[in-house]
Each structure stands twice: as C-alpha cells, then as structure tokens.
Amino acid sequence: MDLYTTLQEKINDLDVAVKELRRTATEYAEAYKNYRVLLARKMLELKADGFATTLAGDVARGDIDIAEAKKIEIIKEAIYKANQESINATKLQIKILENQISREIGL
C-alpha cells in the first residue's frame, strides 16, 4: 500500500532527524561554551585594566571576537530549534498517516 510506504519513509526521516538533532545539540552546546569562556576572559581582562564591573560586561560584548562568538551561538541555537520543530512536524505526519491507515483498515 502507498500509505505504508509513506509511513515507513516518515519513520526513516524521523530517525535521521533525531540523529541530526544530537549533532546540532552538541554544536550548540560547544558554541555556547566558547562564547561564555571568551566573554569571561574578556571581562576579567577588562576588570584587571580598571573597568568597573558593571561596565566590563557591556564593553566585553562589544568586542569583535566576543560578538562573533555570540553570533555563532545564536545561529547554532536556531538550527537546533529548527531541527526540534522538524522532528515534531515529522511526528505529526506519522500520526496522520497512522490514522489514515487505521481508517482504511476499518473500512
């Protein structure tokens, strides 16, 4: 049956998406860690140079390397969340196909 083939394809797609989510979650975590470490180092450097604690954070975030690390973190987070949504959409498609198959069998 065509519905069974489509269902199997969606299940395979889901398996691939879950594996991809693992990869993108790791990349997101690594980008977040990198940003936080760079930010902390820069803030310590600025504080050692005499910047006020309240000002050091804003100045550090304006540093080109820190801003680039934050941009990468935001991109990785967006990709991770998009993968989560893709998984949810695939689950919904699977549920719809299962319902269609159930209705056909019930006929």
C-alpha atoms as a PDB file:
ATOM      1  CA  MET A   1       0.000   0.000   0.000  1.00  0.00           C
ATOM      2  CA  ASP A   2       1.132   3.531  -0.740  1.00  0.00           C
ATOM      3  CA  LEU A   3       0.329   4.783   2.774  1.00  0.00           C
ATOM      4  CA  TYR A   4       2.544   2.127   4.326  1.00  0.00           C
ATOM      5  CA  THR A   5       5.461   3.155   2.119  1.00  0.00           C
ATOM      6  CA  THR A   6       4.950   6.807   3.007  1.00  0.00           C
ATOM      7  CA  LEU A   7       4.721   5.912   6.688  1.00  0.00           C
ATOM      8  CA  GLN A   8       7.959   3.959   6.542  1.00  0.00           C
ATOM      9  CA  GLU A   9       9.678   6.868   4.777  1.00  0.00           C
ATOM     10  CA  LYS A  10       8.500   9.252   7.509  1.00  0.00           C
ATOM     11  CA  ILE A  11       9.745   6.902  10.228  1.00  0.00           C
ATOM     12  CA  ASN A  12      13.124   6.785   8.493  1.00  0.00           C
ATOM     13  CA  ASP A  13      13.093  10.594   8.201  1.00  0.00           C
ATOM     14  CA  LEU A  14      12.397  10.813  11.923  1.00  0.00           C
ATOM     15  CA  ASP A  15      15.329   8.542  12.718  1.00  0.00           C
ATOM     16  CA  VAL A  16      17.640  10.698  10.611  1.00  0.00           C
ATOM     17  CA  ALA A  17      16.304  13.899  12.195  1.00  0.00           C
ATOM     18  CA  VAL A  18      16.881  12.586  15.726  1.00  0.00           C
ATOM     19  CA  LYS A  19      20.482  11.716  14.851  1.00  0.00           C
ATOM     20  CA  GLU A  20      20.888  15.177  13.331  1.00  0.00           C
ATOM     21  CA  LEU A  21      19.446  16.725  16.497  1.00  0.00           C
ATOM     22  CA  ARG A  22      22.149  15.026  18.548  1.00  0.00           C
ATOM     23  CA  ARG A  23      24.798  16.566  16.318  1.00  0.00           C
ATOM     24  CA  THR A  24      23.297  20.045  16.305  1.00  0.00           C
ATOM     25  CA  ALA A  25      22.732  19.947  20.075  1.00  0.00           C
ATOM     26  CA  THR A  26      26.417  19.208  20.551  1.00  0.00           C
ATOM     27  CA  GLU A  27      27.385  22.024  18.193  1.00  0.00           C
ATOM     28  CA  TYR A  28      25.069  24.425  20.004  1.00  0.00           C
ATOM     29  CA  ALA A  29      26.489  23.463  23.394  1.00  0.00           C
ATOM     30  CA  GLU A  30      30.037  23.899  22.102  1.00  0.00           C
ATOM     31  CA  ALA A  31      29.226  27.330  20.637  1.00  0.00           C
ATOM     32  CA  TYR A  32      27.593  28.395  23.906  1.00  0.00           C
ATOM     33  CA  LYS A  33      30.611  27.218  25.910  1.00  0.00           C
ATOM     34  CA  ASN A  34      33.000  29.030  23.574  1.00  0.00           C
ATOM     35  CA  TYR A  35      31.052  32.283  23.862  1.00  0.00           C
ATOM     36  CA  ARG A  36      30.859  32.113  27.651  1.00  0.00           C
ATOM     37  CA  VAL A  37      34.576  31.340  28.041  1.00  0.00           C
ATOM     38  CA  LEU A  38      35.606  34.164  25.689  1.00  0.00           C
ATOM     39  CA  LEU A  39      33.251  36.577  27.439  1.00  0.00           C
ATOM     40  CA  ALA A  40      34.521  35.637  30.897  1.00  0.00           C
ATOM     41  CA  ARG A  41      38.154  36.004  29.835  1.00  0.00           C
ATOM     42  CA  LYS A  42      37.495  39.395  28.272  1.00  0.00           C
ATOM     43  CA  MET A  43      35.599  40.598  31.344  1.00  0.00           C
ATOM     44  CA  LEU A  44      38.461  39.529  33.622  1.00  0.00           C
ATOM     45  CA  GLU A  45      40.898  41.320  31.349  1.00  0.00           C
ATOM     46  CA  LEU A  46      38.804  44.484  31.403  1.00  0.00           C
ATOM     47  CA  LYS A  47      38.376  44.357  35.175  1.00  0.00           C
ATOM     48  CA  ALA A  48      42.155  43.953  35.556  1.00  0.00           C
ATOM     49  CA  ASP A  49      42.543  47.056  33.380  1.00  0.00           C
ATOM     50  CA  GLY A  50      40.362  49.007  35.808  1.00  0.00           C
ATOM     51  CA  PHE A  51      36.939  48.892  34.156  1.00  0.00           C
ATOM     52  CA  ALA A  52      34.002  48.915  36.542  1.00  0.00           C
ATOM     53  CA  THR A  53      32.301  45.526  36.898  1.00  0.00           C
ATOM     54  CA  THR A  54      29.004  46.884  35.574  1.00  0.00           C
ATOM     55  CA  LEU A  55      30.698  48.419  32.529  1.00  0.00           C
ATOM     56  CA  ALA A  56      33.023  45.495  31.750  1.00  0.00           C
ATOM     57  CA  GLY A  57      30.190  43.252  30.556  1.00  0.00           C
ATOM     58  CA  ASP A  58      28.905  45.769  28.024  1.00  0.00           C
ATOM     59  CA  VAL A  59      32.384  46.596  26.757  1.00  0.00           C
ATOM     60  CA  ALA A  60      33.296  42.913  26.501  1.00  0.00           C
ATOM     61  CA  ARG A  61      30.175  42.120  24.479  1.00  0.00           C
ATOM     62  CA  GLY A  62      31.173  44.843  22.031  1.00  0.00           C
ATOM     63  CA  ASP A  63      34.487  43.157  21.295  1.00  0.00           C
ATOM     64  CA  ILE A  64      34.510  41.790  17.728  1.00  0.00           C
ATOM     65  CA  ASP A  65      35.624  38.286  18.774  1.00  0.00           C
ATOM     66  CA  ILE A  66      33.000  38.076  21.526  1.00  0.00           C
ATOM     67  CA  ALA A  67      30.279  39.369  19.205  1.00  0.00           C
ATOM     68  CA  GLU A  68      31.267  36.813  16.564  1.00  0.00           C
ATOM     69  CA  ALA A  69      31.163  34.003  19.124  1.00  0.00           C
ATOM     70  CA  LYS A  70      27.693  35.169  20.204  1.00  0.00           C
ATOM     71  CA  LYS A  71      26.531  35.268  16.571  1.00  0.00           C
ATOM     72  CA  ILE A  72      27.723  31.700  16.053  1.00  0.00           C
ATOM     73  CA  GLU A  73      25.961  30.616  19.245  1.00  0.00           C
ATOM     74  CA  ILE A  74      22.693  32.207  18.088  1.00  0.00           C
ATOM     75  CA  ILE A  75      22.960  30.519  14.689  1.00  0.00           C
ATOM     76  CA  LYS A  76      23.649  27.118  16.253  1.00  0.00           C
ATOM     77  CA  GLU A  77      20.717  27.575  18.630  1.00  0.00           C
ATOM     78  CA  ALA A  78      18.403  28.458  15.736  1.00  0.00           C
ATOM     79  CA  ILE A  79      19.487  25.362  13.803  1.00  0.00           C
ATOM     80  CA  TYR A  80      18.986  23.195  16.888  1.00  0.00           C
ATOM     81  CA  LYS A  81      15.482  24.578  17.456  1.00  0.00           C
ATOM     82  CA  ALA A  82      14.620  24.196  13.771  1.00  0.00           C
ATOM     83  CA  ASN A  83      15.633  20.539  13.997  1.00  0.00           C
ATOM     84  CA  GLN A  84      13.350  20.107  17.004  1.00  0.00           C
ATOM     85  CA  GLU A  85      10.463  21.594  15.030  1.00  0.00           C
ATOM     86  CA  SER A  86      11.257  19.329  12.096  1.00  0.00           C
ATOM     87  CA  ILE A  87      11.063  16.323  14.395  1.00  0.00           C
ATOM     88  CA  ASN A  88       7.717  17.492  15.771  1.00  0.00           C
ATOM     89  CA  ALA A  89       6.355  18.028  12.257  1.00  0.00           C
ATOM     90  CA  THR A  90       7.501  14.557  11.194  1.00  0.00           C
ATOM     91  CA  LYS A  91       5.862  13.021  14.279  1.00  0.00           C
ATOM     92  CA  LEU A  92       2.620  14.752  13.351  1.00  0.00           C
ATOM     93  CA  GLN A  93       2.848  13.467   9.781  1.00  0.00           C
ATOM     94  CA  ILE A  94       3.409   9.940  11.116  1.00  0.00           C
ATOM     95  CA  LYS A  95       0.370  10.227  13.378  1.00  0.00           C
ATOM     96  CA  ILE A  96      -1.776  11.432  10.464  1.00  0.00           C
ATOM     97  CA  LEU A  97      -0.608   8.546   8.283  1.00  0.00           C
ATOM     98  CA  GLU A  98      -1.298   6.053  11.066  1.00  0.00           C
ATOM     99  CA  ASN A  99      -4.819   7.436  11.412  1.00  0.00           C
ATOM    100  CA  GLN A 100      -5.377   7.196   7.662  1.00  0.00           C
ATOM    101  CA  ILE A 101      -4.165   3.603   7.659  1.00  0.00           C
ATOM    102  CA  SER A 102      -6.438   2.778  10.602  1.00  0.00           C
ATOM    103  CA  ARG A 103      -9.439   4.236   8.781  1.00  0.00           C
ATOM    104  CA  GLU A 104      -8.651   2.246   5.637  1.00  0.00           C
ATOM    105  CA  ILE A 105      -8.349  -0.981   7.592  1.00  0.00           C
ATOM    106  CA  GLY A 106     -11.604  -0.192   9.389  1.00  0.00           C
ATOM    107  CA  LEU A 107     -13.448   0.107   6.048  1.00  0.00           C
END
